[in-house]
Amino acid sequence: MPSNELLSYFSAERGGAWLLVLMGAGGLAFAGWLWHARHVYQAMAWPLLLFALLELGIGCGLAWRTPGQAAALVEGLDRTPAVTLAAERTRMATVERNFRIVKVVELALLALGAGLVLLGGRAALTGIGLGLVLEAALLLVFDVFAAARAADYTAWLTTPPGLG
């Protein structure tokens, strides 16, 4: 019998994946508007477009992969709980490490974007900076929430009632 913690984690992961898809769609829409309107900060569309494509790709990939991943874990916990838990703990250690790296990168992009806004002087540089600030900030918030979810799930993996 799968635990509520496992099912809740993967359900929230899939919800997060669809949120990432929506963020990507919003970024595409905003980039399109900026480009079509020929706004003074039209160059903001470039980072929005780049990040939107990443968000759409990662979000769709996670949404597609997550149900099968959860089903495989449930089956593994029924058949070989110790082996499955050990493998999942190892996977989640990598996930948590990657979140730390990603948050540093997002903060660096946020700082770079802010620097371009403050020091750019030209509309194109300011636009690129604004795009970086917007996307890095949104993704940082998204990943802080996802990392907290991962940490809670990882803590459960260390002492799953009836499975460990």
C-alpha atoms as a PDB file:
ATOM      1  CA  MET A   1       0.000   0.000   0.000  1.00  0.00           C
ATOM      2  CA  PRO A   2       1.570   3.322  -1.019  1.00  0.00           C
ATOM      3  CA  SER A   3       1.930   5.981   1.608  1.00  0.00           C
ATOM      4  CA  ASN A   4       0.089   9.273   1.594  1.00  0.00           C
ATOM      5  CA  GLU A   5       3.470  11.045   1.707  1.00  0.00           C
ATOM      6  CA  LEU A   6       4.687   9.369  -1.479  1.00  0.00           C
ATOM      7  CA  LEU A   7       1.438   9.970  -3.355  1.00  0.00           C
ATOM      8  CA  SER A   8       1.190  13.549  -2.088  1.00  0.00           C
ATOM      9  CA  TYR A   9       4.757  14.321  -3.129  1.00  0.00           C
ATOM     10  CA  PHE A  10       4.311  13.029  -6.674  1.00  0.00           C
ATOM     11  CA  SER A  11       0.896  14.650  -7.006  1.00  0.00           C
ATOM     12  CA  ALA A  12       2.413  17.988  -5.981  1.00  0.00           C
ATOM     13  CA  GLU A  13       5.325  17.413  -8.380  1.00  0.00           C
ATOM     14  CA  ARG A  14       2.888  16.924 -11.239  1.00  0.00           C
ATOM     15  CA  GLY A  15       0.973  20.031 -10.192  1.00  0.00           C
ATOM     16  CA  GLY A  16       4.255  21.932 -10.137  1.00  0.00           C
ATOM     17  CA  ALA A  17       5.035  20.630 -13.618  1.00  0.00           C
ATOM     18  CA  TRP A  18       1.774  22.029 -14.961  1.00  0.00           C
ATOM     19  CA  LEU A  19       2.457  25.323 -13.184  1.00  0.00           C
ATOM     20  CA  LEU A  20       5.817  25.432 -14.959  1.00  0.00           C
ATOM     21  CA  VAL A  21       4.007  24.870 -18.279  1.00  0.00           C
ATOM     22  CA  LEU A  22       1.686  27.793 -17.452  1.00  0.00           C
ATOM     23  CA  MET A  23       4.690  29.960 -16.578  1.00  0.00           C
ATOM     24  CA  GLY A  24       6.212  29.087 -19.946  1.00  0.00           C
ATOM     25  CA  ALA A  25       2.982  29.874 -21.785  1.00  0.00           C
ATOM     26  CA  GLY A  26       2.760  33.199 -19.953  1.00  0.00           C
ATOM     27  CA  GLY A  27       6.365  33.989 -20.842  1.00  0.00           C
ATOM     28  CA  LEU A  28       5.666  33.221 -24.503  1.00  0.00           C
ATOM     29  CA  ALA A  29       2.581  35.425 -24.474  1.00  0.00           C
ATOM     30  CA  PHE A  30       4.433  38.321 -22.831  1.00  0.00           C
ATOM     31  CA  ALA A  31       7.382  37.949 -25.217  1.00  0.00           C
ATOM     32  CA  GLY A  32       5.005  37.925 -28.169  1.00  0.00           C
ATOM     33  CA  TRP A  33       3.253  41.047 -26.955  1.00  0.00           C
ATOM     34  CA  LEU A  34       6.556  42.869 -26.417  1.00  0.00           C
ATOM     35  CA  TRP A  35       7.742  41.910 -29.876  1.00  0.00           C
ATOM     36  CA  HIS A  36       4.480  42.730 -31.624  1.00  0.00           C
ATOM     37  CA  ALA A  37       4.047  46.059 -29.804  1.00  0.00           C
ATOM     38  CA  ARG A  38       7.642  47.033 -30.625  1.00  0.00           C
ATOM     39  CA  HIS A  39       7.940  48.258 -27.062  1.00  0.00           C
ATOM     40  CA  VAL A  40      11.013  50.276 -26.111  1.00  0.00           C
ATOM     41  CA  TYR A  41      12.072  47.289 -23.988  1.00  0.00           C
ATOM     42  CA  GLN A  42      11.378  44.825 -26.794  1.00  0.00           C
ATOM     43  CA  ALA A  43      14.675  43.051 -26.070  1.00  0.00           C
ATOM     44  CA  MET A  44      13.055  41.751 -22.879  1.00  0.00           C
ATOM     45  CA  ALA A  45      11.353  39.248 -25.179  1.00  0.00           C
ATOM     46  CA  TRP A  46      14.614  37.313 -25.722  1.00  0.00           C
ATOM     47  CA  PRO A  47      15.157  36.071 -22.159  1.00  0.00           C
ATOM     48  CA  LEU A  48      11.400  35.561 -21.787  1.00  0.00           C
ATOM     49  CA  LEU A  49      11.383  33.401 -24.908  1.00  0.00           C
ATOM     50  CA  LEU A  50      14.428  31.394 -23.851  1.00  0.00           C
ATOM     51  CA  PHE A  51      13.117  30.710 -20.356  1.00  0.00           C
ATOM     52  CA  ALA A  52       9.594  30.006 -21.657  1.00  0.00           C
ATOM     53  CA  LEU A  53      10.945  27.276 -23.909  1.00  0.00           C
ATOM     54  CA  LEU A  54      12.875  25.766 -20.995  1.00  0.00           C
ATOM     55  CA  GLU A  55       9.823  25.969 -18.710  1.00  0.00           C
ATOM     56  CA  LEU A  56       7.579  24.365 -21.318  1.00  0.00           C
ATOM     57  CA  GLY A  57      10.050  21.568 -22.018  1.00  0.00           C
ATOM     58  CA  ILE A  58      10.853  20.804 -18.394  1.00  0.00           C
ATOM     59  CA  GLY A  59       7.230  21.160 -17.288  1.00  0.00           C
ATOM     60  CA  CYS A  60       5.878  18.862 -20.010  1.00  0.00           C
ATOM     61  CA  GLY A  61       8.646  16.346 -19.345  1.00  0.00           C
ATOM     62  CA  LEU A  62       7.919  16.268 -15.614  1.00  0.00           C
ATOM     63  CA  ALA A  63       4.163  16.053 -16.122  1.00  0.00           C
ATOM     64  CA  TRP A  64       4.638  13.136 -18.521  1.00  0.00           C
ATOM     65  CA  ARG A  65       7.225  11.274 -16.410  1.00  0.00           C
ATOM     66  CA  THR A  66       5.820  11.710 -12.888  1.00  0.00           C
ATOM     67  CA  PRO A  67       2.857   9.267 -12.933  1.00  0.00           C
ATOM     68  CA  GLY A  68       5.041   6.411 -14.192  1.00  0.00           C
ATOM     69  CA  GLN A  69       7.741   7.254 -11.693  1.00  0.00           C
ATOM     70  CA  ALA A  70       5.244   7.156  -8.818  1.00  0.00           C
ATOM     71  CA  ALA A  71       3.741   3.873 -10.059  1.00  0.00           C
ATOM     72  CA  ALA A  72       7.191   2.281 -10.305  1.00  0.00           C
ATOM     73  CA  LEU A  73       7.988   3.358  -6.740  1.00  0.00           C
ATOM     74  CA  VAL A  74       4.704   1.959  -5.416  1.00  0.00           C
ATOM     75  CA  GLU A  75       5.425  -1.341  -7.154  1.00  0.00           C
ATOM     76  CA  GLY A  76       9.016  -1.348  -5.890  1.00  0.00           C
ATOM     77  CA  LEU A  77       7.889  -0.682  -2.338  1.00  0.00           C
ATOM     78  CA  ASP A  78       5.532  -3.648  -2.547  1.00  0.00           C
ATOM     79  CA  ARG A  79       8.134  -6.024  -4.019  1.00  0.00           C
ATOM     80  CA  THR A  80      11.529  -4.900  -2.680  1.00  0.00           C
ATOM     81  CA  PRO A  81      11.037  -2.106  -0.164  1.00  0.00           C
ATOM     82  CA  ALA A  82      14.627  -1.877   1.115  1.00  0.00           C
ATOM     83  CA  VAL A  83      16.149  -1.727  -2.374  1.00  0.00           C
ATOM     84  CA  THR A  84      13.526   0.747  -3.607  1.00  0.00           C
ATOM     85  CA  LEU A  85      13.958   3.031  -0.603  1.00  0.00           C
ATOM     86  CA  ALA A  86      17.747   3.004  -0.938  1.00  0.00           C
ATOM     87  CA  ALA A  87      17.533   3.906  -4.630  1.00  0.00           C
ATOM     88  CA  GLU A  88      14.978   6.642  -3.977  1.00  0.00           C
ATOM     89  CA  ARG A  89      17.072   8.114  -1.148  1.00  0.00           C
ATOM     90  CA  THR A  90      20.056   8.268  -3.506  1.00  0.00           C
ATOM     91  CA  ARG A  91      17.947   9.884  -6.247  1.00  0.00           C
ATOM     92  CA  MET A  92      16.535  12.460  -3.853  1.00  0.00           C
ATOM     93  CA  ALA A  93      20.009  13.349  -2.540  1.00  0.00           C
ATOM     94  CA  THR A  94      20.883  14.255  -6.131  1.00  0.00           C
ATOM     95  CA  VAL A  95      17.620  16.183  -6.545  1.00  0.00           C
ATOM     96  CA  GLU A  96      18.300  18.197  -3.381  1.00  0.00           C
ATOM     97  CA  ARG A  97      21.892  18.922  -4.459  1.00  0.00           C
ATOM     98  CA  ASN A  98      20.633  20.074  -7.851  1.00  0.00           C
ATOM     99  CA  PHE A  99      18.122  22.412  -6.222  1.00  0.00           C
ATOM    100  CA  ARG A 100      20.947  24.092  -4.293  1.00  0.00           C
ATOM    101  CA  ILE A 101      22.894  24.586  -7.530  1.00  0.00           C
ATOM    102  CA  VAL A 102      19.859  25.820  -9.456  1.00  0.00           C
ATOM    103  CA  LYS A 103      19.002  28.377  -6.762  1.00  0.00           C
ATOM    104  CA  VAL A 104      22.554  29.772  -6.895  1.00  0.00           C
ATOM    105  CA  VAL A 105      22.296  30.065 -10.683  1.00  0.00           C
ATOM    106  CA  GLU A 106      18.905  31.771 -10.401  1.00  0.00           C
ATOM    107  CA  LEU A 107      20.276  34.253  -7.858  1.00  0.00           C
ATOM    108  CA  ALA A 108      23.242  34.953 -10.150  1.00  0.00           C
ATOM    109  CA  LEU A 109      20.894  35.569 -13.090  1.00  0.00           C
ATOM    110  CA  LEU A 110      18.783  37.818 -10.878  1.00  0.00           C
ATOM    111  CA  ALA A 111      21.892  39.827  -9.952  1.00  0.00           C
ATOM    112  CA  LEU A 112      23.035  39.976 -13.584  1.00  0.00           C
ATOM    113  CA  GLY A 113      19.604  41.171 -14.669  1.00  0.00           C
ATOM    114  CA  ALA A 114      19.502  43.801 -11.933  1.00  0.00           C
ATOM    115  CA  GLY A 115      22.966  44.961 -12.952  1.00  0.00           C
ATOM    116  CA  LEU A 116      21.863  45.339 -16.561  1.00  0.00           C
ATOM    117  CA  VAL A 117      18.814  47.325 -15.472  1.00  0.00           C
ATOM    118  CA  LEU A 118      20.880  49.601 -13.232  1.00  0.00           C
ATOM    119  CA  LEU A 119      23.938  50.034 -15.419  1.00  0.00           C
ATOM    120  CA  GLY A 120      22.748  49.175 -18.922  1.00  0.00           C
ATOM    121  CA  GLY A 121      21.987  52.671 -20.114  1.00  0.00           C
ATOM    122  CA  ARG A 122      20.514  51.360 -23.384  1.00  0.00           C
ATOM    123  CA  ALA A 123      16.945  50.170 -23.829  1.00  0.00           C
ATOM    124  CA  ALA A 124      18.063  46.781 -25.190  1.00  0.00           C
ATOM    125  CA  LEU A 125      20.278  46.045 -22.186  1.00  0.00           C
ATOM    126  CA  THR A 126      17.608  47.256 -19.794  1.00  0.00           C
ATOM    127  CA  GLY A 127      15.041  45.040 -21.536  1.00  0.00           C
ATOM    128  CA  ILE A 128      17.283  41.983 -21.335  1.00  0.00           C
ATOM    129  CA  GLY A 129      17.946  42.777 -17.669  1.00  0.00           C
ATOM    130  CA  LEU A 130      14.237  43.093 -16.930  1.00  0.00           C
ATOM    131  CA  GLY A 131      13.594  39.739 -18.595  1.00  0.00           C
ATOM    132  CA  LEU A 132      16.328  38.084 -16.554  1.00  0.00           C
ATOM    133  CA  VAL A 133      15.045  39.625 -13.310  1.00  0.00           C
ATOM    134  CA  LEU A 134      11.474  38.542 -13.991  1.00  0.00           C
ATOM    135  CA  GLU A 135      12.280  34.971 -15.008  1.00  0.00           C
ATOM    136  CA  ALA A 136      14.984  34.383 -12.389  1.00  0.00           C
ATOM    137  CA  ALA A 137      12.722  35.673  -9.611  1.00  0.00           C
ATOM    138  CA  LEU A 138       9.753  33.557 -10.714  1.00  0.00           C
ATOM    139  CA  LEU A 139      11.878  30.444 -11.055  1.00  0.00           C
ATOM    140  CA  LEU A 140      13.584  31.075  -7.716  1.00  0.00           C
ATOM    141  CA  VAL A 141      10.213  31.190  -5.957  1.00  0.00           C
ATOM    142  CA  PHE A 142       9.075  28.096  -7.862  1.00  0.00           C
ATOM    143  CA  ASP A 143      12.256  26.187  -6.951  1.00  0.00           C
ATOM    144  CA  VAL A 144      12.225  27.234  -3.281  1.00  0.00           C
ATOM    145  CA  PHE A 145       8.768  25.684  -2.994  1.00  0.00           C
ATOM    146  CA  ALA A 146       9.844  22.581  -4.946  1.00  0.00           C
ATOM    147  CA  ALA A 147      12.982  22.186  -2.819  1.00  0.00           C
ATOM    148  CA  ALA A 148      10.918  22.367   0.375  1.00  0.00           C
ATOM    149  CA  ARG A 149       8.613  19.676  -1.014  1.00  0.00           C
ATOM    150  CA  ALA A 150      11.638  17.535  -1.871  1.00  0.00           C
ATOM    151  CA  ALA A 151      13.146  18.017   1.602  1.00  0.00           C
ATOM    152  CA  ASP A 152       9.906  16.894   3.285  1.00  0.00           C
ATOM    153  CA  TYR A 153       9.686  13.841   1.045  1.00  0.00           C
ATOM    154  CA  THR A 154      13.353  13.001   1.633  1.00  0.00           C
ATOM    155  CA  ALA A 155      12.800  13.233   5.393  1.00  0.00           C
ATOM    156  CA  TRP A 156       9.905  10.801   5.074  1.00  0.00           C
ATOM    157  CA  LEU A 157      12.124   8.440   3.058  1.00  0.00           C
ATOM    158  CA  THR A 158      14.513   8.156   6.005  1.00  0.00           C
ATOM    159  CA  THR A 159      11.791   6.809   8.321  1.00  0.00           C
ATOM    160  CA  PRO A 160       8.767   5.611   6.313  1.00  0.00           C
ATOM    161  CA  PRO A 161       6.363   3.880   8.726  1.00  0.00           C
ATOM    162  CA  GLY A 162       6.073   0.204   7.893  1.00  0.00           C
ATOM    163  CA  LEU A 163       8.411   0.414   4.906  1.00  0.00           C
ATOM    164  CA  GLY A 164      11.915   1.091   6.239  1.00  0.00           C
END
